């Protein structure tokens, strides 16, 4: 903790990780009571012996860190799966299988932390309104491989 003031600011975490080569730190922020947002993801997530996930709780100008022990318990309610889930550190998406998470990680580990916004109950309809952003095409082909057309005689 040489040269790092207490409480530790978000910008000082990089310095903390340099001074402690066995620890990686991700930061989460609680927004709107149940929305967890990753605000910092360590580039050493899966490479270091210890991994710490502080959750920042705020009340106007006051803030407090609390430690998240199990991401699966924190965001597992986003899935209908009733058992332990495997959670992506970068987007907080829960997966049923560790294999699925392993396929997902190489893509998301190249980017900064992301927030996945889920629709609220009753608002699960997505509509496209910006038709002026579409590309003009000369022709379109629509194919239905589940049916066979027969000539009428």
N, C-alpha and C. Protein backbone atom coordinates (compact mmCIF):
# COMPACT_ATOMS: atom_id res chain seq x y z
N UNK A 1 0.82 -1.20 0.00
CA UNK A 1 0.00 0.00 0.00
C UNK A 1 0.86 1.26 0.00
N UNK A 2 2.11 1.15 -0.46
CA UNK A 2 3.01 2.31 -0.48
C UNK A 2 2.49 3.38 -1.43
N UNK A 3 2.28 4.57 -0.91
CA UNK A 3 1.85 5.70 -1.73
C UNK A 3 0.38 5.69 -2.09
N UNK A 4 -0.41 4.79 -1.52
CA UNK A 4 -1.84 4.70 -1.82
C UNK A 4 -2.62 5.17 -0.60
N UNK A 5 -3.47 6.18 -0.80
CA UNK A 5 -4.26 6.73 0.30
C UNK A 5 -5.45 5.85 0.60
N UNK A 6 -5.89 5.89 1.84
CA UNK A 6 -7.06 5.15 2.28
C UNK A 6 -8.20 6.13 2.49
N UNK A 7 -9.40 5.96 2.04
CA UNK A 7 -9.88 4.85 1.21
C UNK A 7 -9.28 4.90 -0.19
N UNK A 8 -9.13 3.75 -0.77
CA UNK A 8 -8.46 3.62 -2.06
C UNK A 8 -9.36 4.14 -3.18
N UNK A 9 -8.83 5.06 -3.95
CA UNK A 9 -9.56 5.60 -5.09
C UNK A 9 -9.50 4.61 -6.25
N UNK A 10 -10.44 4.72 -7.17
CA UNK A 10 -10.50 3.82 -8.32
C UNK A 10 -9.23 3.90 -9.17
N UNK A 11 -8.68 5.09 -9.31
CA UNK A 11 -7.47 5.26 -10.11
C UNK A 11 -6.23 4.64 -9.46
N UNK A 12 -6.25 4.41 -8.15
CA UNK A 12 -5.10 3.85 -7.44
C UNK A 12 -5.05 2.33 -7.49
N UNK A 13 -6.06 1.70 -8.05
CA UNK A 13 -6.10 0.23 -8.07
C UNK A 13 -5.01 -0.33 -8.98
N UNK A 14 -4.72 0.35 -10.09
CA UNK A 14 -3.62 -0.11 -10.96
C UNK A 14 -2.30 -0.14 -10.20
N UNK A 15 -2.05 0.87 -9.40
CA UNK A 15 -0.83 0.93 -8.59
C UNK A 15 -0.83 -0.20 -7.55
N UNK A 16 -2.00 -0.46 -6.95
CA UNK A 16 -2.12 -1.55 -5.99
C UNK A 16 -1.80 -2.89 -6.65
N UNK A 17 -2.30 -3.12 -7.87
CA UNK A 17 -2.04 -4.38 -8.57
C UNK A 17 -0.56 -4.52 -8.93
N UNK A 18 0.11 -3.41 -9.23
CA UNK A 18 1.55 -3.47 -9.52
C UNK A 18 2.34 -3.85 -8.27
N UNK A 19 1.92 -3.33 -7.12
CA UNK A 19 2.64 -3.60 -5.87
C UNK A 19 2.32 -4.99 -5.31
N UNK A 20 1.20 -5.58 -5.72
CA UNK A 20 0.77 -6.89 -5.22
C UNK A 20 0.58 -7.83 -6.41
N UNK A 21 1.64 -8.50 -6.87
CA UNK A 21 1.55 -9.30 -8.10
C UNK A 21 0.73 -10.58 -7.99
N UNK A 22 0.20 -10.89 -6.83
CA UNK A 22 -0.64 -12.09 -6.71
C UNK A 22 -2.12 -11.76 -6.62
N UNK A 23 -2.47 -10.46 -6.66
CA UNK A 23 -3.86 -10.04 -6.47
C UNK A 23 -4.35 -9.28 -7.70
N UNK A 24 -5.56 -9.62 -8.15
CA UNK A 24 -6.22 -8.85 -9.20
C UNK A 24 -7.53 -8.31 -8.62
N UNK A 25 -7.95 -7.13 -9.10
CA UNK A 25 -9.11 -6.45 -8.52
C UNK A 25 -10.08 -6.04 -9.63
N UNK A 26 -11.33 -6.45 -9.50
CA UNK A 26 -12.43 -5.96 -10.32
C UNK A 26 -13.31 -5.10 -9.42
N UNK A 27 -13.95 -4.09 -9.98
CA UNK A 27 -14.84 -3.23 -9.19
C UNK A 27 -16.24 -3.29 -9.76
N UNK A 28 -17.22 -3.39 -8.87
CA UNK A 28 -18.63 -3.35 -9.25
C UNK A 28 -19.29 -2.15 -8.58
N UNK A 29 -20.32 -1.64 -9.20
CA UNK A 29 -21.07 -0.51 -8.68
C UNK A 29 -22.53 -0.89 -8.64
N UNK A 30 -23.21 -0.57 -7.55
CA UNK A 30 -24.63 -0.85 -7.41
C UNK A 30 -25.42 0.36 -7.89
N UNK A 31 -26.25 0.13 -8.92
CA UNK A 31 -27.03 1.20 -9.52
C UNK A 31 -28.50 0.80 -9.47
N UNK A 32 -29.35 1.66 -9.01
CA UNK A 32 -30.79 1.41 -8.96
C UNK A 32 -31.15 0.14 -8.19
N UNK A 33 -30.64 -0.02 -7.03
CA UNK A 33 -30.94 -1.08 -6.07
C UNK A 33 -30.55 -2.49 -6.50
N UNK A 34 -30.76 -2.90 -7.74
CA UNK A 34 -30.45 -4.27 -8.15
C UNK A 34 -29.63 -4.36 -9.43
N UNK A 35 -29.18 -3.26 -9.99
CA UNK A 35 -28.38 -3.28 -11.20
C UNK A 35 -26.90 -3.16 -10.84
N UNK A 36 -26.17 -4.20 -11.11
CA UNK A 36 -24.74 -4.21 -10.84
C UNK A 36 -23.99 -3.88 -12.12
N UNK A 37 -23.06 -2.93 -12.03
CA UNK A 37 -22.34 -2.47 -13.19
C UNK A 37 -20.85 -2.68 -12.96
N UNK A 38 -20.14 -3.39 -13.86
CA UNK A 38 -18.69 -3.50 -13.71
C UNK A 38 -18.03 -2.18 -14.13
N UNK A 39 -17.37 -1.50 -13.20
CA UNK A 39 -16.74 -0.23 -13.54
C UNK A 39 -15.24 -0.38 -13.75
N UNK A 40 -14.68 -1.49 -13.34
CA UNK A 40 -13.26 -1.76 -13.59
C UNK A 40 -13.06 -3.26 -13.65
N UNK A 41 -12.39 -3.73 -14.68
CA UNK A 41 -12.06 -5.14 -14.81
C UNK A 41 -10.55 -5.25 -14.98
N UNK A 42 -9.95 -6.08 -14.16
CA UNK A 42 -8.50 -6.25 -14.19
C UNK A 42 -8.07 -7.02 -15.43
N UNK A 43 -6.94 -6.64 -15.98
CA UNK A 43 -6.41 -7.39 -17.12
C UNK A 43 -5.73 -8.68 -16.66
N UNK A 44 -5.65 -8.87 -15.33
CA UNK A 44 -5.03 -10.07 -14.77
C UNK A 44 -6.07 -11.01 -14.15
N UNK A 45 -7.32 -10.91 -14.57
CA UNK A 45 -8.42 -11.66 -13.95
C UNK A 45 -8.13 -13.14 -13.70
N UNK A 46 -7.75 -13.83 -14.72
CA UNK A 46 -7.58 -15.28 -14.60
C UNK A 46 -6.13 -15.70 -14.46
N UNK A 47 -5.22 -14.74 -14.25
CA UNK A 47 -3.80 -15.05 -14.21
C UNK A 47 -3.20 -15.01 -12.82
N UNK A 48 -3.89 -14.45 -11.85
CA UNK A 48 -3.31 -14.29 -10.52
C UNK A 48 -3.96 -15.21 -9.51
N UNK A 49 -3.23 -15.47 -8.45
CA UNK A 49 -3.66 -16.43 -7.43
C UNK A 49 -4.93 -15.97 -6.70
N UNK A 50 -5.00 -14.68 -6.36
CA UNK A 50 -6.14 -14.16 -5.61
C UNK A 50 -6.89 -13.14 -6.47
N UNK A 51 -8.21 -13.20 -6.40
CA UNK A 51 -9.04 -12.27 -7.16
C UNK A 51 -10.05 -11.64 -6.21
N UNK A 52 -10.09 -10.30 -6.15
CA UNK A 52 -10.95 -9.58 -5.23
C UNK A 52 -11.96 -8.78 -6.03
N UNK A 53 -13.23 -8.80 -5.57
CA UNK A 53 -14.28 -8.06 -6.24
C UNK A 53 -14.99 -7.16 -5.23
N UNK A 54 -14.53 -5.91 -5.08
CA UNK A 54 -15.26 -4.98 -4.21
C UNK A 54 -16.49 -4.41 -4.91
N UNK A 55 -17.55 -4.24 -4.14
CA UNK A 55 -18.78 -3.63 -4.62
C UNK A 55 -18.89 -2.26 -3.96
N UNK A 56 -19.04 -1.21 -4.76
CA UNK A 56 -19.12 0.15 -4.24
C UNK A 56 -20.58 0.50 -3.99
N UNK A 57 -20.88 0.84 -2.73
CA UNK A 57 -22.21 1.29 -2.35
C UNK A 57 -22.12 2.78 -2.06
N UNK A 58 -23.05 3.56 -2.59
CA UNK A 58 -22.99 5.01 -2.40
C UNK A 58 -24.27 5.52 -1.77
N UNK A 59 -24.11 6.62 -1.01
CA UNK A 59 -25.25 7.33 -0.45
C UNK A 59 -24.89 8.80 -0.51
N UNK A 60 -25.35 9.47 -1.55
CA UNK A 60 -25.03 10.87 -1.85
C UNK A 60 -23.52 11.03 -1.98
N UNK A 61 -22.84 11.69 -1.05
CA UNK A 61 -21.40 11.90 -1.18
C UNK A 61 -20.58 10.87 -0.42
N UNK A 62 -21.21 9.93 0.25
CA UNK A 62 -20.51 8.88 1.00
C UNK A 62 -20.45 7.61 0.14
N UNK A 63 -19.38 6.84 0.31
CA UNK A 63 -19.31 5.56 -0.38
C UNK A 63 -18.66 4.53 0.55
N UNK A 64 -18.96 3.27 0.27
CA UNK A 64 -18.46 2.18 1.09
C UNK A 64 -18.16 0.99 0.18
N UNK A 65 -17.05 0.30 0.46
CA UNK A 65 -16.71 -0.92 -0.28
C UNK A 65 -17.15 -2.13 0.53
N UNK A 66 -17.72 -3.09 -0.15
CA UNK A 66 -18.00 -4.38 0.45
C UNK A 66 -17.50 -5.45 -0.52
N UNK A 67 -17.09 -6.58 0.00
CA UNK A 67 -16.46 -7.60 -0.83
C UNK A 67 -17.50 -8.62 -1.32
N UNK A 68 -17.48 -8.91 -2.60
CA UNK A 68 -18.36 -9.91 -3.19
C UNK A 68 -17.63 -11.25 -3.15
N UNK A 69 -18.20 -12.21 -2.45
CA UNK A 69 -17.58 -13.52 -2.32
C UNK A 69 -17.93 -14.43 -3.50
N UNK A 70 -19.20 -14.37 -3.94
CA UNK A 70 -19.67 -15.26 -5.00
C UNK A 70 -20.48 -14.47 -6.02
N UNK A 71 -19.92 -14.26 -7.20
CA UNK A 71 -20.66 -13.58 -8.26
C UNK A 71 -21.91 -14.36 -8.66
N UNK A 72 -21.83 -15.67 -8.56
CA UNK A 72 -22.96 -16.51 -8.92
C UNK A 72 -24.18 -16.19 -8.05
N UNK A 73 -23.96 -15.94 -6.79
CA UNK A 73 -25.07 -15.62 -5.89
C UNK A 73 -25.57 -14.19 -6.11
N UNK A 74 -24.69 -13.32 -6.53
CA UNK A 74 -25.05 -11.92 -6.73
C UNK A 74 -25.91 -11.72 -7.97
N UNK A 75 -25.54 -12.32 -9.08
CA UNK A 75 -26.26 -12.10 -10.34
C UNK A 75 -26.92 -13.37 -10.88
N UNK A 76 -26.93 -14.43 -10.11
CA UNK A 76 -27.52 -15.69 -10.57
C UNK A 76 -29.01 -15.59 -10.82
N UNK A 77 -29.68 -14.60 -10.21
CA UNK A 77 -31.12 -14.45 -10.39
C UNK A 77 -31.46 -13.99 -11.81
N UNK A 78 -30.46 -13.59 -12.60
CA UNK A 78 -30.70 -13.19 -13.99
C UNK A 78 -30.97 -14.40 -14.87
N UNK A 79 -30.70 -15.57 -14.35
CA UNK A 79 -30.88 -16.80 -15.11
C UNK A 79 -32.00 -17.63 -14.48
N UNK A 80 -32.66 -18.44 -15.27
CA UNK A 80 -33.69 -19.33 -14.73
C UNK A 80 -33.08 -20.59 -14.11
N UNK A 81 -31.78 -20.74 -14.28
CA UNK A 81 -31.06 -21.88 -13.72
C UNK A 81 -31.04 -21.76 -12.20
N UNK A 82 -31.44 -22.81 -11.50
CA UNK A 82 -31.60 -22.72 -10.05
C UNK A 82 -30.37 -23.17 -9.26
N UNK A 83 -29.30 -23.50 -9.94
CA UNK A 83 -28.09 -23.94 -9.26
C UNK A 83 -26.97 -22.95 -9.53
N UNK A 84 -25.76 -23.30 -9.14
CA UNK A 84 -24.63 -22.40 -9.32
C UNK A 84 -24.44 -22.08 -10.80
N UNK A 85 -24.16 -20.81 -11.05
CA UNK A 85 -23.87 -20.39 -12.42
C UNK A 85 -22.41 -19.94 -12.49
N UNK A 86 -21.90 -19.87 -13.69
CA UNK A 86 -20.54 -19.41 -13.94
C UNK A 86 -20.66 -18.03 -14.60
N UNK A 87 -20.11 -17.01 -13.94
CA UNK A 87 -20.36 -15.63 -14.33
C UNK A 87 -19.16 -15.03 -15.04
N UNK A 88 -19.42 -14.34 -16.13
CA UNK A 88 -18.38 -13.62 -16.86
C UNK A 88 -17.99 -12.38 -16.07
N UNK A 89 -16.70 -12.18 -15.82
CA UNK A 89 -16.20 -11.04 -15.06
C UNK A 89 -16.39 -9.73 -15.82
N UNK A 90 -16.51 -9.80 -17.13
CA UNK A 90 -16.53 -8.60 -17.96
C UNK A 90 -17.92 -8.04 -18.20
N UNK A 91 -18.93 -8.91 -18.30
CA UNK A 91 -20.28 -8.42 -18.57
C UNK A 91 -21.30 -8.88 -17.53
N UNK A 92 -20.87 -9.69 -16.57
CA UNK A 92 -21.71 -10.20 -15.49
C UNK A 92 -22.88 -11.07 -15.98
N UNK A 93 -22.67 -11.72 -17.11
CA UNK A 93 -23.70 -12.63 -17.63
C UNK A 93 -23.49 -14.01 -17.02
N UNK A 94 -24.54 -14.62 -16.43
CA UNK A 94 -24.40 -15.96 -15.86
C UNK A 94 -24.58 -17.05 -16.92
N UNK A 95 -23.74 -18.08 -16.84
CA UNK A 95 -23.81 -19.23 -17.74
C UNK A 95 -24.03 -20.49 -16.92
N UNK A 96 -24.77 -21.43 -17.47
CA UNK A 96 -25.00 -22.71 -16.78
C UNK A 96 -23.74 -23.56 -16.73
N UNK A 97 -23.03 -23.61 -17.85
CA UNK A 97 -21.87 -24.50 -17.95
C UNK A 97 -20.58 -23.70 -17.97
N UNK A 98 -19.55 -24.26 -17.40
CA UNK A 98 -18.23 -23.63 -17.43
C UNK A 98 -17.67 -23.62 -18.85
N UNK A 99 -18.04 -24.62 -19.66
CA UNK A 99 -17.57 -24.68 -21.05
C UNK A 99 -18.11 -23.50 -21.86
N UNK A 100 -19.37 -23.16 -21.63
CA UNK A 100 -19.96 -22.03 -22.34
C UNK A 100 -19.27 -20.74 -21.95
N UNK A 101 -18.95 -20.60 -20.68
CA UNK A 101 -18.21 -19.41 -20.23
C UNK A 101 -16.82 -19.37 -20.85
N UNK A 102 -16.17 -20.52 -20.95
CA UNK A 102 -14.83 -20.58 -21.56
C UNK A 102 -14.86 -20.14 -23.02
N UNK A 103 -15.94 -20.46 -23.74
CA UNK A 103 -16.08 -20.02 -25.13
C UNK A 103 -16.36 -18.51 -25.20
N UNK A 104 -17.04 -18.00 -24.21
CA UNK A 104 -17.44 -16.59 -24.17
C UNK A 104 -16.28 -15.67 -23.79
N UNK A 105 -15.42 -16.10 -22.89
CA UNK A 105 -14.37 -15.24 -22.34
C UNK A 105 -13.38 -14.69 -23.35
N UNK A 106 -12.88 -15.44 -24.32
CA UNK A 106 -11.90 -14.85 -25.25
C UNK A 106 -12.42 -13.63 -26.00
N UNK A 107 -13.69 -13.59 -26.29
CA UNK A 107 -14.26 -12.46 -27.00
C UNK A 107 -14.39 -11.25 -26.07
N UNK A 108 -14.92 -11.47 -24.87
CA UNK A 108 -15.18 -10.36 -23.96
C UNK A 108 -13.95 -9.89 -23.22
N UNK A 109 -12.94 -10.71 -23.09
CA UNK A 109 -11.74 -10.30 -22.37
C UNK A 109 -10.91 -9.30 -23.15
N UNK A 110 -11.17 -9.15 -24.44
CA UNK A 110 -10.44 -8.19 -25.26
C UNK A 110 -10.99 -6.78 -25.10
N UNK A 111 -12.16 -6.63 -24.51
CA UNK A 111 -12.83 -5.34 -24.39
C UNK A 111 -12.86 -4.87 -22.95
N UNK A 112 -13.25 -3.63 -22.76
CA UNK A 112 -13.44 -3.08 -21.42
C UNK A 112 -14.68 -3.72 -20.80
N UNK A 113 -14.85 -3.49 -19.50
CA UNK A 113 -16.03 -4.00 -18.80
C UNK A 113 -17.29 -3.44 -19.45
N UNK A 114 -18.35 -4.24 -19.49
CA UNK A 114 -19.58 -3.84 -20.15
C UNK A 114 -20.76 -4.07 -19.23
N UNK A 115 -21.81 -3.34 -19.47
CA UNK A 115 -23.03 -3.52 -18.72
C UNK A 115 -24.09 -4.10 -19.64
N UNK A 116 -24.71 -5.18 -19.22
CA UNK A 116 -25.80 -5.77 -19.97
C UNK A 116 -27.08 -5.28 -19.32
N UNK A 117 -27.95 -4.66 -20.09
CA UNK A 117 -29.20 -4.13 -19.55
C UNK A 117 -30.31 -5.09 -19.95
N UNK A 118 -30.99 -5.62 -18.94
CA UNK A 118 -32.08 -6.55 -19.17
C UNK A 118 -33.40 -5.79 -19.19
N UNK A 119 -34.36 -6.20 -20.01
CA UNK A 119 -35.65 -5.50 -20.01
C UNK A 119 -36.41 -5.78 -18.72
N UNK A 120 -37.20 -4.82 -18.33
CA UNK A 120 -38.02 -4.98 -17.13
C UNK A 120 -39.24 -5.83 -17.49
N UNK A 121 -39.85 -6.51 -16.54
CA UNK A 121 -41.02 -7.33 -16.84
C UNK A 121 -42.10 -6.50 -17.53
N UNK A 122 -42.65 -7.04 -18.59
CA UNK A 122 -43.67 -6.33 -19.35
C UNK A 122 -43.09 -5.44 -20.44
N UNK A 123 -41.78 -5.24 -20.44
CA UNK A 123 -41.14 -4.41 -21.45
C UNK A 123 -40.20 -5.25 -22.31
N UNK A 124 -40.60 -6.47 -22.61
CA UNK A 124 -39.72 -7.38 -23.32
C UNK A 124 -39.95 -7.39 -24.83
N UNK A 125 -40.52 -6.32 -25.36
CA UNK A 125 -40.74 -6.22 -26.80
C UNK A 125 -39.77 -5.19 -27.35
N UNK A 126 -39.00 -5.59 -28.34
CA UNK A 126 -38.04 -4.68 -28.97
C UNK A 126 -38.58 -4.31 -30.34
N UNK A 127 -38.62 -3.01 -30.62
CA UNK A 127 -39.11 -2.53 -31.90
C UNK A 127 -38.03 -1.70 -32.57
N UNK A 128 -37.99 -1.78 -33.88
CA UNK A 128 -37.02 -1.02 -34.67
C UNK A 128 -37.73 0.19 -35.26
N UNK A 129 -37.22 1.38 -34.96
CA UNK A 129 -37.86 2.61 -35.42
C UNK A 129 -37.00 3.41 -36.40
N UNK A 130 -35.72 3.20 -36.44
CA UNK A 130 -34.81 4.02 -37.24
C UNK A 130 -34.62 3.43 -38.64
N UNK A 131 -35.69 3.44 -39.41
CA UNK A 131 -35.63 2.87 -40.75
C UNK A 131 -34.69 3.64 -41.67
N UNK A 132 -34.46 4.91 -41.39
CA UNK A 132 -33.58 5.71 -42.23
C UNK A 132 -32.11 5.29 -42.12
N UNK A 133 -31.77 4.46 -41.13
CA UNK A 133 -30.40 3.96 -40.99
C UNK A 133 -30.16 2.66 -41.78
N UNK A 134 -31.19 2.10 -42.36
CA UNK A 134 -31.05 0.85 -43.11
C UNK A 134 -30.33 1.10 -44.43
N UNK A 135 -29.64 0.07 -44.90
CA UNK A 135 -28.99 0.13 -46.20
C UNK A 135 -30.01 -0.21 -47.29
N UNK A 136 -29.88 0.47 -48.42
CA UNK A 136 -30.74 0.13 -49.54
C UNK A 136 -30.17 -1.10 -50.23
N UNK A 137 -31.03 -2.03 -50.59
CA UNK A 137 -30.60 -3.23 -51.28
C UNK A 137 -31.35 -3.34 -52.61
N UNK A 138 -30.69 -3.95 -53.60
CA UNK A 138 -31.32 -4.10 -54.91
C UNK A 138 -32.38 -5.20 -54.91
N UNK A 139 -32.13 -6.26 -54.18
CA UNK A 139 -33.10 -7.34 -54.11
C UNK A 139 -32.91 -8.08 -52.78
N UNK A 140 -33.90 -8.87 -52.41
CA UNK A 140 -33.85 -9.66 -51.18
C UNK A 140 -34.34 -11.06 -51.50
N UNK A 141 -33.76 -12.03 -50.84
CA UNK A 141 -34.16 -13.42 -51.00
C UNK A 141 -34.65 -13.92 -49.65
N UNK A 142 -35.84 -14.49 -49.65
CA UNK A 142 -36.39 -15.07 -48.44
C UNK A 142 -36.52 -16.56 -48.68
N UNK A 143 -35.96 -17.37 -47.79
CA UNK A 143 -35.99 -18.82 -48.00
C UNK A 143 -36.55 -19.49 -46.75
N UNK A 144 -37.39 -20.46 -46.98
CA UNK A 144 -37.93 -21.26 -45.89
C UNK A 144 -37.57 -22.70 -46.18
N UNK A 145 -36.63 -23.23 -45.46
CA UNK A 145 -36.14 -24.58 -45.73
C UNK A 145 -37.00 -25.66 -45.11
N UNK A 146 -38.04 -25.25 -44.39
CA UNK A 146 -38.88 -26.24 -43.72
C UNK A 146 -40.09 -26.63 -44.56
N UNK A 147 -40.23 -26.06 -45.75
CA UNK A 147 -41.41 -26.38 -46.57
C UNK A 147 -40.97 -26.67 -48.02
N UNK A 148 -41.83 -27.35 -48.72
CA UNK A 148 -41.62 -27.66 -50.12
C UNK A 148 -42.80 -27.12 -50.92
N UNK A 149 -42.52 -26.40 -51.97
CA UNK A 149 -43.58 -25.85 -52.80
C UNK A 149 -43.88 -26.83 -53.93
N UNK A 150 -45.15 -27.03 -54.18
CA UNK A 150 -45.57 -27.92 -55.27
C UNK A 150 -46.44 -27.11 -56.24
N UNK A 151 -46.28 -27.43 -57.53
CA UNK A 151 -47.09 -26.76 -58.56
C UNK A 151 -48.52 -27.23 -58.47
N UNK A 152 -49.43 -26.28 -58.67
CA UNK A 152 -50.84 -26.65 -58.74
C UNK A 152 -51.15 -27.13 -60.14
N UNK A 153 -51.89 -28.16 -60.28
CA UNK A 153 -52.23 -28.72 -61.59
C UNK A 153 -53.58 -28.35 -62.05
